[in-house]
C-alpha atoms as a PDB file:
ATOM      1  CA  MET A   1       0.000   0.000   0.000  1.00  0.00           C
ATOM      2  CA  GLU A   2       1.441   3.347  -1.073  1.00  0.00           C
ATOM      3  CA  ARG A   3       1.875   6.028   1.548  1.00  0.00           C
ATOM      4  CA  TYR A   4       0.362   9.491   1.387  1.00  0.00           C
ATOM      5  CA  PRO A   5       2.793  12.030  -0.128  1.00  0.00           C
ATOM      6  CA  HIS A   6       3.001  14.371   2.931  1.00  0.00           C
ATOM      7  CA  ASN A   7       4.193  17.189   0.687  1.00  0.00           C
ATOM      8  CA  TYR A   8       3.700  19.667   3.522  1.00  0.00           C
ATOM      9  CA  GLN A   9       6.962  18.329   4.968  1.00  0.00           C
ATOM     10  CA  LYS A  10       9.048  19.163   1.888  1.00  0.00           C
ATOM     11  CA  TYR A  11       7.076  22.172   0.612  1.00  0.00           C
ATOM     12  CA  GLU A  12       6.147  23.901   3.847  1.00  0.00           C
ATOM     13  CA  ASP A  13       5.851  27.298   2.121  1.00  0.00           C
ATOM     14  CA  TYR A  14       3.116  26.001  -0.186  1.00  0.00           C
ATOM     15  CA  ILE A  15       1.432  22.964   1.355  1.00  0.00           C
ATOM     16  CA  PHE A  16       0.117  22.870   4.920  1.00  0.00           C
ATOM     17  CA  PRO A  17      -0.678  19.998   7.304  1.00  0.00           C
ATOM     18  CA  PRO A  18      -4.342  18.955   7.411  1.00  0.00           C
ATOM     19  CA  ASP A  19      -6.433  20.872   9.915  1.00  0.00           C
ATOM     20  CA  GLU A  20      -9.888  20.516  11.463  1.00  0.00           C
ATOM     21  CA  VAL A  21     -12.741  23.024  11.011  1.00  0.00           C
ATOM     22  CA  GLU A  22     -16.322  23.031  12.210  1.00  0.00           C
ATOM     23  CA  ILE A  23     -19.101  24.402   9.995  1.00  0.00           C
ATOM     24  CA  ASP A  24     -22.755  24.267  11.099  1.00  0.00           C
ATOM     25  CA  ASP A  25     -21.875  21.798  13.864  1.00  0.00           C
ATOM     26  CA  GLU A  26     -20.237  19.444  11.371  1.00  0.00           C
ATOM     27  CA  LYS A  27     -16.513  18.663  11.525  1.00  0.00           C
ATOM     28  CA  TYR A  28     -14.350  18.651   8.400  1.00  0.00           C
ATOM     29  CA  THR A  29     -10.707  18.018   7.599  1.00  0.00           C
ATOM     30  CA  ILE A  30      -9.322  20.856   5.502  1.00  0.00           C
ATOM     31  CA  TYR A  31      -6.272  20.553   3.239  1.00  0.00           C
ATOM     32  CA  LYS A  32      -4.655  23.868   2.332  1.00  0.00           C
ATOM     33  CA  ALA A  33      -2.219  24.995  -0.339  1.00  0.00           C
ATOM     34  CA  ARG A  34      -1.153  28.561  -1.048  1.00  0.00           C
ATOM     35  CA  PHE A  35       0.872  30.156  -3.856  1.00  0.00           C
ATOM     36  CA  ASN A  36       1.667  33.875  -3.786  1.00  0.00           C
ATOM     37  CA  ASN A  37       2.014  34.133  -7.557  1.00  0.00           C
ATOM     38  CA  LEU A  38       2.091  32.026 -10.717  1.00  0.00           C
ATOM     39  CA  PHE A  39       5.866  31.658 -10.512  1.00  0.00           C
ATOM     40  CA  GLU A  40       5.617  29.881  -7.139  1.00  0.00           C
ATOM     41  CA  LEU A  41       2.946  27.631  -8.586  1.00  0.00           C
ATOM     42  CA  TYR A  42       5.164  26.892 -11.585  1.00  0.00           C
ATOM     43  CA  ASP A  43       8.165  26.065  -9.381  1.00  0.00           C
ATOM     44  CA  TYR A  44       6.091  23.688  -7.274  1.00  0.00           C
ATOM     45  CA  LEU A  45       4.697  21.768 -10.229  1.00  0.00           C
ATOM     46  CA  LYS A  46       8.039  21.649 -12.070  1.00  0.00           C
ATOM     47  CA  SER A  47       9.634  20.035  -9.013  1.00  0.00           C
ATOM     48  CA  ASN A  48       7.364  17.015  -9.597  1.00  0.00           C
ATOM     49  CA  PRO A  49       5.926  16.707  -6.087  1.00  0.00           C
ATOM     50  CA  LYS A  50       4.724  13.247  -5.085  1.00  0.00           C
ATOM     51  CA  THR A  51       1.159  12.390  -6.024  1.00  0.00           C
ATOM     52  CA  ASN A  52      -1.411  10.717  -3.822  1.00  0.00           C
ATOM     53  CA  ASN A  53      -1.658   7.424  -5.681  1.00  0.00           C
ATOM     54  CA  ARG A  54      -3.670   5.816  -2.886  1.00  0.00           C
ATOM     55  CA  VAL A  55      -6.637   8.002  -3.867  1.00  0.00           C
ATOM     56  CA  PHE A  56      -5.778   8.988  -7.451  1.00  0.00           C
ATOM     57  CA  THR A  57      -5.091   5.729  -9.220  1.00  0.00           C
ATOM     58  CA  THR A  58      -5.473   7.673 -12.480  1.00  0.00           C
ATOM     59  CA  LEU A  59      -4.093  11.217 -12.719  1.00  0.00           C
ATOM     60  CA  HIS A  60      -6.863  13.010 -14.592  1.00  0.00           C
ATOM     61  CA  SER A  61      -4.748  16.177 -14.735  1.00  0.00           C
ATOM     62  CA  ILE A  62      -2.837  14.284 -17.456  1.00  0.00           C
ATOM     63  CA  SER A  63      -5.284  11.713 -18.793  1.00  0.00           C
ATOM     64  CA  LYS A  64      -8.316  13.873 -19.617  1.00  0.00           C
ATOM     65  CA  GLY A  65      -8.779  14.881 -23.265  1.00  0.00           C
ATOM     66  CA  SER A  66      -8.367  18.416 -24.614  1.00  0.00           C
ATOM     67  CA  ASP A  67     -12.093  18.859 -25.335  1.00  0.00           C
ATOM     68  CA  PHE A  68     -12.712  18.786 -21.605  1.00  0.00           C
ATOM     69  CA  ALA A  69      -9.434  19.827 -19.988  1.00  0.00           C
ATOM     70  CA  GLY A  70      -7.858  22.133 -22.577  1.00  0.00           C
ATOM     71  CA  LYS A  71      -4.158  22.099 -23.379  1.00  0.00           C
ATOM     72  CA  PRO A  72      -2.060  19.092 -22.280  1.00  0.00           C
ATOM     73  CA  TYR A  73      -0.695  19.233 -18.747  1.00  0.00           C
ATOM     74  CA  LYS A  74       2.929  20.050 -19.642  1.00  0.00           C
ATOM     75  CA  GLU A  75       1.866  22.918 -21.909  1.00  0.00           C
ATOM     76  CA  ALA A  76      -0.500  24.247 -19.237  1.00  0.00           C
ATOM     77  CA  VAL A  77       2.369  24.324 -16.725  1.00  0.00           C
ATOM     78  CA  GLU A  78       4.680  26.212 -19.103  1.00  0.00           C
ATOM     79  CA  ASP A  79       1.889  28.690 -19.878  1.00  0.00           C
ATOM     80  CA  LEU A  80       1.990  29.835 -16.246  1.00  0.00           C
ATOM     81  CA  VAL A  81       5.224  31.740 -16.918  1.00  0.00           C
ATOM     82  CA  SER A  82       5.264  32.109 -20.712  1.00  0.00           C
ATOM     83  CA  GLU A  83       4.066  34.955 -22.906  1.00  0.00           C
ATOM     84  CA  VAL A  84       0.293  35.118 -23.224  1.00  0.00           C
ATOM     85  CA  ASP A  85      -1.255  33.563 -26.318  1.00  0.00           C
ATOM     86  CA  PRO A  86      -3.052  35.465 -29.139  1.00  0.00           C
ATOM     87  CA  GLY A  87      -6.367  35.075 -27.324  1.00  0.00           C
ATOM     88  CA  TYR A  88      -5.121  37.577 -24.759  1.00  0.00           C
ATOM     89  CA  GLU A  89      -5.522  40.500 -27.178  1.00  0.00           C
ATOM     90  CA  GLU A  90      -9.121  39.507 -27.839  1.00  0.00           C
ATOM     91  CA  PHE A  91      -9.674  39.275 -24.100  1.00  0.00           C
ATOM     92  CA  LEU A  92      -8.313  42.811 -23.623  1.00  0.00           C
ATOM     93  CA  SER A  93     -10.500  44.150 -26.429  1.00  0.00           C
ATOM     94  CA  LEU A  94     -13.585  43.174 -24.422  1.00  0.00           C
ATOM     95  CA  GLN A  95     -12.711  45.431 -21.489  1.00  0.00           C
ATOM     96  CA  ARG A  96     -15.355  48.150 -21.273  1.00  0.00           C
ATOM     97  CA  ASP A  97     -15.697  51.538 -19.569  1.00  0.00           C
ATOM     98  CA  LEU A  98     -18.339  50.868 -16.930  1.00  0.00           C
ATOM     99  CA  ASP A  99     -18.377  54.306 -15.288  1.00  0.00           C
ATOM    100  CA  ASN A 100     -21.647  55.150 -13.572  1.00  0.00           C
ATOM    101  CA  ALA A 101     -22.749  57.565 -10.860  1.00  0.00           C
ATOM    102  CA  GLY A 102     -22.772  54.748  -8.332  1.00  0.00           C
ATOM    103  CA  LEU A 103     -19.039  54.207  -8.807  1.00  0.00           C
ATOM    104  CA  LYS A 104     -17.826  57.794  -8.693  1.00  0.00           C
ATOM    105  CA  GLU A 105     -14.800  58.600  -6.596  1.00  0.00           C
ATOM    106  CA  VAL A 106     -15.458  59.378  -2.937  1.00  0.00           C
ATOM    107  CA  HIS A 107     -13.597  62.290  -1.366  1.00  0.00           C
ATOM    108  CA  LYS A 108     -13.098  63.765   2.075  1.00  0.00           C
ATOM    109  CA  TYR A 109     -11.757  67.175   3.064  1.00  0.00           C
ATOM    110  CA  LYS A 110      -9.021  68.284   5.428  1.00  0.00           C
ATOM    111  CA  LEU A 111      -8.470  71.694   6.992  1.00  0.00           C
ATOM    112  CA  VAL A 112      -5.258  73.409   5.819  1.00  0.00           C
ATOM    113  CA  ARG A 113      -3.654  76.591   7.231  1.00  0.00           C
ATOM    114  CA  THR A 114      -2.395  79.071   4.595  1.00  0.00           C
ATOM    115  CA  VAL A 115      -0.829  82.556   4.405  1.00  0.00           C
ATOM    116  CA  ALA A 116      -3.772  83.969   2.447  1.00  0.00           C
ATOM    117  CA  GLY A 117      -7.119  82.892   1.097  1.00  0.00           C
ATOM    118  CA  GLY A 118      -9.974  81.031   2.733  1.00  0.00           C
ATOM    119  CA  HIS A 119     -11.343  82.019   6.150  1.00  0.00           C
ATOM    120  CA  LEU A 120      -9.426  84.110   8.674  1.00  0.00           C
ATOM    121  CA  ASN A 121      -8.671  82.298  11.934  1.00  0.00           C
ATOM    122  CA  ILE A 122      -8.943  85.114  14.496  1.00  0.00           C
ATOM    123  CA  PRO A 123      -6.945  83.478  17.342  1.00  0.00           C
ATOM    124  CA  ALA A 124      -4.132  82.608  14.946  1.00  0.00           C
ATOM    125  CA  TYR A 125      -4.183  86.131  13.479  1.00  0.00           C
ATOM    126  CA  SER A 126      -4.138  87.729  16.947  1.00  0.00           C
ATOM    127  CA  ALA A 127      -1.195  85.535  17.940  1.00  0.00           C
ATOM    128  CA  GLY A 128       0.774  86.715  14.919  1.00  0.00           C
ATOM    129  CA  ASN A 129       0.769  83.306  13.226  1.00  0.00           C
ATOM    130  CA  PRO A 130       1.502  83.854   9.503  1.00  0.00           C
ATOM    131  CA  LEU A 131      -0.624  80.785   8.694  1.00  0.00           C
ATOM    132  CA  CYS A 132      -3.776  82.498   9.899  1.00  0.00           C
ATOM    133  CA  TYR A 133      -6.122  81.558   7.078  1.00  0.00           C
ATOM    134  CA  GLU A 134      -7.948  78.250   6.812  1.00  0.00           C
ATOM    135  CA  THR A 135      -9.214  76.470   3.745  1.00  0.00           C
ATOM    136  CA  GLU A 136     -10.467  72.999   2.936  1.00  0.00           C
ATOM    137  CA  GLU A 137      -8.575  70.765   0.534  1.00  0.00           C
ATOM    138  CA  LYS A 138     -10.214  67.835  -1.166  1.00  0.00           C
ATOM    139  CA  VAL A 139      -8.429  64.590  -0.370  1.00  0.00           C
ATOM    140  CA  ARG A 140      -9.077  61.330  -2.128  1.00  0.00           C
ATOM    141  CA  SER A 141     -10.401  58.826   0.367  1.00  0.00           C
ATOM    142  CA  PRO A 142      -9.798  55.270  -0.864  1.00  0.00           C
ATOM    143  CA  LYS A 143     -12.533  52.764  -0.164  1.00  0.00           C
ATOM    144  CA  PHE A 144     -11.730  49.124   0.301  1.00  0.00           C
ATOM    145  CA  VAL A 145     -13.645  46.242  -1.170  1.00  0.00           C
ATOM    146  CA  ARG A 146     -12.849  42.543  -0.858  1.00  0.00           C
ATOM    147  CA  ILE A 147     -13.602  40.419  -3.883  1.00  0.00           C
ATOM    148  CA  HIS A 148     -13.510  36.643  -3.804  1.00  0.00           C
ATOM    149  CA  VAL A 149     -13.361  34.547  -6.970  1.00  0.00           C
ATOM    150  CA  THR A 150     -13.776  30.787  -7.034  1.00  0.00           C
ATOM    151  CA  LEU A 151     -11.474  29.107  -9.527  1.00  0.00           C
ATOM    152  CA  SER A 152     -13.463  25.872  -9.662  1.00  0.00           C
ATOM    153  CA  TYR A 153     -16.761  24.901 -11.272  1.00  0.00           C
ATOM    154  CA  TYR A 154     -18.774  21.775 -11.938  1.00  0.00           C
ATOM    155  CA  TRP A 155     -17.717  19.325 -14.639  1.00  0.00           C
ATOM    156  CA  GLY A 156     -20.376  20.367 -17.189  1.00  0.00           C
ATOM    157  CA  THR A 157     -19.186  23.989 -17.352  1.00  0.00           C
ATOM    158  CA  THR A 158     -18.263  24.971 -20.921  1.00  0.00           C
ATOM    159  CA  LYS A 159     -15.219  26.884 -22.097  1.00  0.00           C
ATOM    160  CA  LYS A 160     -17.516  29.716 -23.228  1.00  0.00           C
ATOM    161  CA  GLN A 161     -19.046  29.998 -19.758  1.00  0.00           C
ATOM    162  CA  VAL A 162     -15.564  30.209 -18.261  1.00  0.00           C
ATOM    163  CA  LEU A 163     -14.483  32.889 -20.740  1.00  0.00           C
ATOM    164  CA  ASN A 164     -17.610  35.027 -20.320  1.00  0.00           C
ATOM    165  CA  ARG A 165     -17.325  34.969 -16.538  1.00  0.00           C
ATOM    166  CA  ALA A 166     -13.659  36.023 -16.811  1.00  0.00           C
ATOM    167  CA  ILE A 167     -14.582  38.978 -19.036  1.00  0.00           C
ATOM    168  CA  ILE A 168     -17.299  40.034 -16.597  1.00  0.00           C
ATOM    169  CA  ILE A 169     -15.003  39.726 -13.576  1.00  0.00           C
ATOM    170  CA  THR A 170     -12.207  41.809 -15.086  1.00  0.00           C
ATOM    171  CA  ASN A 171     -14.616  44.527 -16.212  1.00  0.00           C
ATOM    172  CA  VAL A 172     -16.108  44.849 -12.733  1.00  0.00           C
ATOM    173  CA  LEU A 173     -12.649  44.882 -11.114  1.00  0.00           C
ATOM    174  CA  LYS A 174     -11.402  47.600 -13.456  1.00  0.00           C
ATOM    175  CA  ALA A 175     -14.520  49.702 -12.881  1.00  0.00           C
ATOM    176  CA  LEU A 176     -14.041  49.525  -9.114  1.00  0.00           C
ATOM    177  CA  GLU A 177     -10.355  50.447  -9.366  1.00  0.00           C
ATOM    178  CA  LYS A 178     -11.082  53.368 -11.693  1.00  0.00           C
ATOM    179  CA  ALA A 179     -13.636  54.656  -9.204  1.00  0.00           C
ATOM    180  CA  GLY A 180     -10.941  54.788  -6.508  1.00  0.00           C
ATOM    181  CA  TYR A 181     -11.633  51.526  -4.710  1.00  0.00           C
ATOM    182  CA  ASN A 182      -8.706  49.597  -3.272  1.00  0.00           C
ATOM    183  CA  VAL A 183      -9.579  46.066  -4.347  1.00  0.00           C
ATOM    184  CA  LEU A 184      -8.463  43.135  -2.224  1.00  0.00           C
ATOM    185  CA  LEU A 185      -8.687  40.074  -4.447  1.00  0.00           C
ATOM    186  CA  ASN A 186      -8.874  36.489  -3.189  1.00  0.00           C
ATOM    187  CA  THR A 187      -8.727  33.835  -5.933  1.00  0.00           C
ATOM    188  CA  PHE A 188      -9.079  30.251  -4.782  1.00  0.00           C
ATOM    189  CA  GLU A 189     -10.540  26.797  -5.145  1.00  0.00           C
ATOM    190  CA  LEU A 190     -12.760  25.528  -2.345  1.00  0.00           C
ATOM    191  CA  SER A 191     -14.053  22.022  -3.016  1.00  0.00           C
ATOM    192  CA  MET A 192     -15.357  19.232  -0.832  1.00  0.00           C
ATOM    193  CA  GLU A 193     -15.815  15.467  -0.800  1.00  0.00           C
ATOM    194  CA  TYR A 194     -17.907  14.107   2.068  1.00  0.00           C
ATOM    195  CA  ASP A 195     -16.157  15.447   5.234  1.00  0.00           C
ATOM    196  CA  GLU A 196     -13.002  16.761   3.524  1.00  0.00           C
ATOM    197  CA  ILE A 197     -12.378  20.253   2.155  1.00  0.00           C
ATOM    198  CA  VAL A 198      -9.620  21.351  -0.213  1.00  0.00           C
ATOM    199  CA  TYR A 199      -8.671  25.041  -0.123  1.00  0.00           C
ATOM    200  CA  ILE A 200      -6.133  26.147  -2.735  1.00  0.00           C
ATOM    201  CA  VAL A 201      -5.204  29.832  -2.919  1.00  0.00           C
ATOM    202  CA  VAL A 202      -3.464  31.216  -6.004  1.00  0.00           C
ATOM    203  CA  GLN A 203      -2.765  34.895  -5.405  1.00  0.00           C
ATOM    204  CA  ILE A 204      -2.710  36.977  -8.574  1.00  0.00           C
ATOM    205  CA  LYS A 205      -2.936  40.441  -7.008  1.00  0.00           C
ATOM    206  CA  LYS A 206      -1.238  41.695  -3.857  1.00  0.00           C
ATOM    207  CA  HIS A 207      -2.721  44.345  -1.600  1.00  0.00           C
ATOM    208  CA  GLY A 208      -2.208  47.779  -3.159  1.00  0.00           C
ATOM    209  CA  GLU A 209      -1.136  46.449  -6.550  1.00  0.00           C
ATOM    210  CA  ARG A 210      -2.912  47.205  -9.802  1.00  0.00           C
ATOM    211  CA  MET A 211      -4.622  44.360 -11.583  1.00  0.00           C
ATOM    212  CA  ASN A 212      -2.306  41.971 -13.401  1.00  0.00           C
ATOM    213  CA  MET A 213      -4.359  41.383 -16.533  1.00  0.00           C
ATOM    214  CA  ALA A 214      -2.085  38.639 -17.863  1.00  0.00           C
ATOM    215  CA  ALA A 215      -2.391  36.680 -14.601  1.00  0.00           C
ATOM    216  CA  LEU A 216      -6.160  37.151 -14.607  1.00  0.00           C
ATOM    217  CA  TYR A 217      -6.291  35.847 -18.150  1.00  0.00           C
ATOM    218  CA  LYS A 218      -4.208  32.764 -17.368  1.00  0.00           C
ATOM    219  CA  THR A 219      -6.175  31.799 -14.273  1.00  0.00           C
ATOM    220  CA  LEU A 220      -9.718  32.766 -15.235  1.00  0.00           C
ATOM    221  CA  CYS A 221     -10.008  32.280 -19.000  1.00  0.00           C
ATOM    222  CA  ARG A 222      -8.474  28.859 -19.546  1.00  0.00           C
ATOM    223  CA  VAL A 223     -10.228  25.661 -18.459  1.00  0.00           C
ATOM    224  CA  GLU A 224      -6.844  23.962 -18.191  1.00  0.00           C
ATOM    225  CA  PHE A 225      -6.031  26.108 -15.163  1.00  0.00           C
ATOM    226  CA  LEU A 226      -8.629  24.162 -13.189  1.00  0.00           C
ATOM    227  CA  ARG A 227      -8.645  20.858 -15.046  1.00  0.00           C
ATOM    228  CA  ARG A 228      -4.860  20.503 -15.371  1.00  0.00           C
ATOM    229  CA  ILE A 229      -3.160  22.807 -12.842  1.00  0.00           C
ATOM    230  CA  LEU A 230      -5.532  22.770  -9.852  1.00  0.00           C
ATOM    231  CA  PHE A 231      -6.338  19.107 -10.438  1.00  0.00           C
ATOM    232  CA  ARG A 232      -2.618  18.334 -10.152  1.00  0.00           C
ATOM    233  CA  ILE A 233      -2.296  20.286  -6.906  1.00  0.00           C
ATOM    234  CA  LEU A 234      -5.216  18.296  -5.507  1.00  0.00           C
ATOM    235  CA  GLU A 235      -3.482  15.092  -6.604  1.00  0.00           C
ATOM    236  CA  THR A 236      -0.499  16.023  -4.410  1.00  0.00           C
ATOM    237  CA  LEU A 237      -2.525  16.501  -1.198  1.00  0.00           C
ATOM    238  CA  ASP A 238      -3.114  13.891   1.512  1.00  0.00           C
ATOM    239  CA  VAL A 239      -6.881  13.590   0.974  1.00  0.00           C
ATOM    240  CA  LYS A 240      -8.421  10.227   1.886  1.00  0.00           C
ATOM    241  CA  ARG A 241     -11.955  10.246   0.481  1.00  0.00           C
ATOM    242  CA  ALA A 242     -13.026   9.274  -3.051  1.00  0.00           C
ATOM    243  CA  TRP A 243     -11.812  12.459  -4.761  1.00  0.00           C
ATOM    244  CA  GLU A 244     -10.848  10.673  -7.964  1.00  0.00           C
ATOM    245  CA  ASP A 245     -14.517  10.364  -8.901  1.00  0.00           C
ATOM    246  CA  GLY A 246     -15.129  13.969 -10.002  1.00  0.00           C
ATOM    247  CA  TYR A 247     -12.361  15.675  -7.997  1.00  0.00           C
ATOM    248  CA  GLY A 248     -14.866  16.940  -5.451  1.00  0.00           C
ATOM    249  CA  SER A 249     -17.752  19.397  -5.640  1.00  0.00           C
ATOM    250  CA  THR A 250     -17.346  23.163  -5.738  1.00  0.00           C
ATOM    251  CA  CYS A 251     -18.587  24.492  -2.393  1.00  0.00           C
ATOM    252  CA  SER A 252     -21.796  26.512  -2.402  1.00  0.00           C
ATOM    253  CA  ALA A 253     -21.709  30.271  -1.859  1.00  0.00           C
ATOM    254  CA  ASN A 254     -23.273  29.933   1.590  1.00  0.00           C
ATOM    255  CA  PHE A 255     -20.802  27.263   2.705  1.00  0.00           C
ATOM    256  CA  THR A 256     -17.841  29.177   1.217  1.00  0.00           C
ATOM    257  CA  LYS A 257     -18.788  32.343   3.086  1.00  0.00           C
ATOM    258  CA  LYS A 258     -18.798  30.436   6.364  1.00  0.00           C
ATOM    259  CA  VAL A 259     -15.469  28.681   5.767  1.00  0.00           C
ATOM    260  CA  LEU A 260     -13.648  31.822   4.625  1.00  0.00           C
ATOM    261  CA  HIS A 261     -15.468  34.266   6.921  1.00  0.00           C
ATOM    262  CA  PHE A 262     -16.634  36.734   4.281  1.00  0.00           C
ATOM    263  CA  GLY A 263     -17.568  40.245   5.372  1.00  0.00           C
ATOM    264  CA  SER A 264     -21.124  41.508   4.829  1.00  0.00           C
ATOM    265  CA  ASN A 265     -19.970  43.834   2.036  1.00  0.00           C
ATOM    266  CA  ASP A 266     -17.641  41.382   0.285  1.00  0.00           C
ATOM    267  CA  ILE A 267     -18.327  40.507  -3.345  1.00  0.00           C
ATOM    268  CA  PHE A 268     -18.222  36.851  -4.355  1.00  0.00           C
ATOM    269  CA  PHE A 269     -17.924  35.620  -7.942  1.00  0.00           C
ATOM    270  CA  ASP A 270     -19.413  32.139  -7.836  1.00  0.00           C
ATOM    271  CA  GLN A 271     -19.076  29.465 -10.521  1.00  0.00           C
ATOM    272  CA  PRO A 272     -20.710  30.473 -13.841  1.00  0.00           C
ATOM    273  CA  ARG A 273     -24.020  28.595 -13.649  1.00  0.00           C
ATOM    274  CA  GLU A 274     -24.736  29.932 -10.131  1.00  0.00           C
ATOM    275  CA  MET A 275     -24.431  33.484 -11.502  1.00  0.00           C
ATOM    276  CA  GLY A 276     -26.667  32.860 -14.502  1.00  0.00           C
ATOM    277  CA  ILE A 277     -23.720  32.764 -16.912  1.00  0.00           C
ATOM    278  CA  TYR A 278     -24.468  30.211 -19.624  1.00  0.00           C
ATOM    279  CA  GLY A 279     -22.014  31.184 -22.350  1.00  0.00           C
ATOM    280  CA  ASP A 280     -24.578  31.780 -25.118  1.00  0.00           C
ATOM    281  CA  ASP A 281     -24.509  35.589 -25.148  1.00  0.00           C
ATOM    282  CA  LEU A 282     -21.934  37.778 -23.380  1.00  0.00           C
ATOM    283  CA  ALA A 283     -24.327  40.723 -22.993  1.00  0.00           C
ATOM    284  CA  ASP A 284     -27.031  38.567 -21.389  1.00  0.00           C
ATOM    285  CA  ASP A 285     -24.452  36.855 -19.161  1.00  0.00           C
ATOM    286  CA  PHE A 286     -23.188  40.264 -18.045  1.00  0.00           C
ATOM    287  CA  GLU A 287     -26.691  41.420 -17.116  1.00  0.00           C
ATOM    288  CA  ALA A 288     -27.388  38.209 -15.181  1.00  0.00           C
ATOM    289  CA  ALA A 289     -24.101  38.458 -13.275  1.00  0.00           C
ATOM    290  CA  ILE A 290     -24.607  42.105 -12.299  1.00  0.00           C
ATOM    291  CA  LYS A 291     -28.091  41.283 -10.993  1.00  0.00           C
ATOM    292  CA  HIS A 292     -26.679  38.306  -9.083  1.00  0.00           C
ATOM    293  CA  LEU A 293     -24.091  40.613  -7.474  1.00  0.00           C
ATOM    294  CA  ASN A 294     -26.683  43.347  -6.743  1.00  0.00           C
ATOM    295  CA  LEU A 295     -24.597  45.932  -8.589  1.00  0.00           C
ATOM    296  CA  GLU A 296     -27.351  47.312 -10.861  1.00  0.00           C
ATOM    297  CA  ASP A 297     -27.251  50.646  -9.011  1.00  0.00           C
ATOM    298  CA  LYS A 298     -23.526  50.990  -9.634  1.00  0.00           C
ATOM    299  CA  ILE A 299     -23.096  49.886 -13.236  1.00  0.00           C
ATOM    300  CA  ASP A 300     -24.989  51.014 -16.344  1.00  0.00           C
ATOM    301  CA  VAL A 301     -26.012  47.555 -17.525  1.00  0.00           C
ATOM    302  CA  GLU A 302     -27.834  48.608 -20.700  1.00  0.00           C
ATOM    303  CA  LYS A 303     -24.909  50.721 -21.888  1.00  0.00           C
ATOM    304  CA  ALA A 304     -22.461  47.893 -21.221  1.00  0.00           C
ATOM    305  CA  LYS A 305     -24.679  45.338 -22.993  1.00  0.00           C
ATOM    306  CA  LYS A 306     -24.799  47.472 -26.137  1.00  0.00           C
ATOM    307  CA  GLU A 307     -21.014  47.855 -26.143  1.00  0.00           C
ATOM    308  CA  PHE A 308     -20.452  44.130 -25.577  1.00  0.00           C
ATOM    309  CA  LYS A 309     -22.780  43.254 -28.453  1.00  0.00           C
ATOM    310  CA  LYS A 310     -20.941  45.690 -30.729  1.00  0.00           C
ATOM    311  CA  ASP A 311     -17.518  44.350 -29.751  1.00  0.00           C
ATOM    312  CA  VAL A 312     -18.519  40.705 -30.115  1.00  0.00           C
ATOM    313  CA  GLN A 313     -19.926  41.401 -33.583  1.00  0.00           C
ATOM    314  CA  SER A 314     -16.707  43.183 -34.549  1.00  0.00           C
ATOM    315  CA  LEU A 315     -14.629  40.187 -33.409  1.00  0.00           C
ATOM    316  CA  LYS A 316     -16.814  37.829 -35.456  1.00  0.00           C
ATOM    317  CA  LEU A 317     -16.236  39.919 -38.563  1.00  0.00           C
ATOM    318  CA  LYS A 318     -12.460  39.829 -38.064  1.00  0.00           C
ATOM    319  CA  ARG A 319     -12.340  36.043 -37.866  1.00  0.00           C
END
């Protein structure tokens, strides 16, 4: 009988020992992995960590066909650090300007003492202080918003659903940043099998950094990121249940919020079908997603739909 790989002993920066959590009075074993960028993820996979052959008698990260899993495993690994493919330009062309009154910049004011101008401060003037005038200066007041994005989805999700959700996510993120929001982005897989949970974090944006569009494209647009890369990470964890049959189920929004302790104002991008994203029409998918997120008061949906339809038609004509 083969032993479990115990990769947390060799890769302690990336893989962590199993832990116990309690959700709704039920106990679960949680297996965690964390990568701070795509380069760390690449280094881990290229080192050929041991796989859990007790549970995964077949490594579906390698064996699944391209129709389902996208590019072959080795190519998917190299893509983590290589130049983006031609599809990246098309992806960028579908980034819209989603400005709306609900997303305008928020400002605060501070009181500044000056030599002249503004209102005279009598006590300061009487004391002979040259800075005896007061005026208000507008100061940009950054607002923080935490956005969580699940990187996993059920087996029947199509490549078009994955792509449309990625386009919607990046447009919303850019709109929030342009409006002065400091976006904290958490991208992860949270899946479960019976009483086991797998939590894999792949960080693609650090606090205070601007969006890395290439990293967003590589993680969100390509089905092979889940079905090759994240599947392989799962295959290297010490799980014990029957994960090989489907590689677990993506956790529901309600369960995810409890495990990860979401704040009341956090935004969560669920798997495509849970957001009404079906891959048939980008404009309709965008409208459904914005309604799901309750952002109709912040984003001009009709304007965005018209622009998406125009852009999609233009891309069709170029092909």
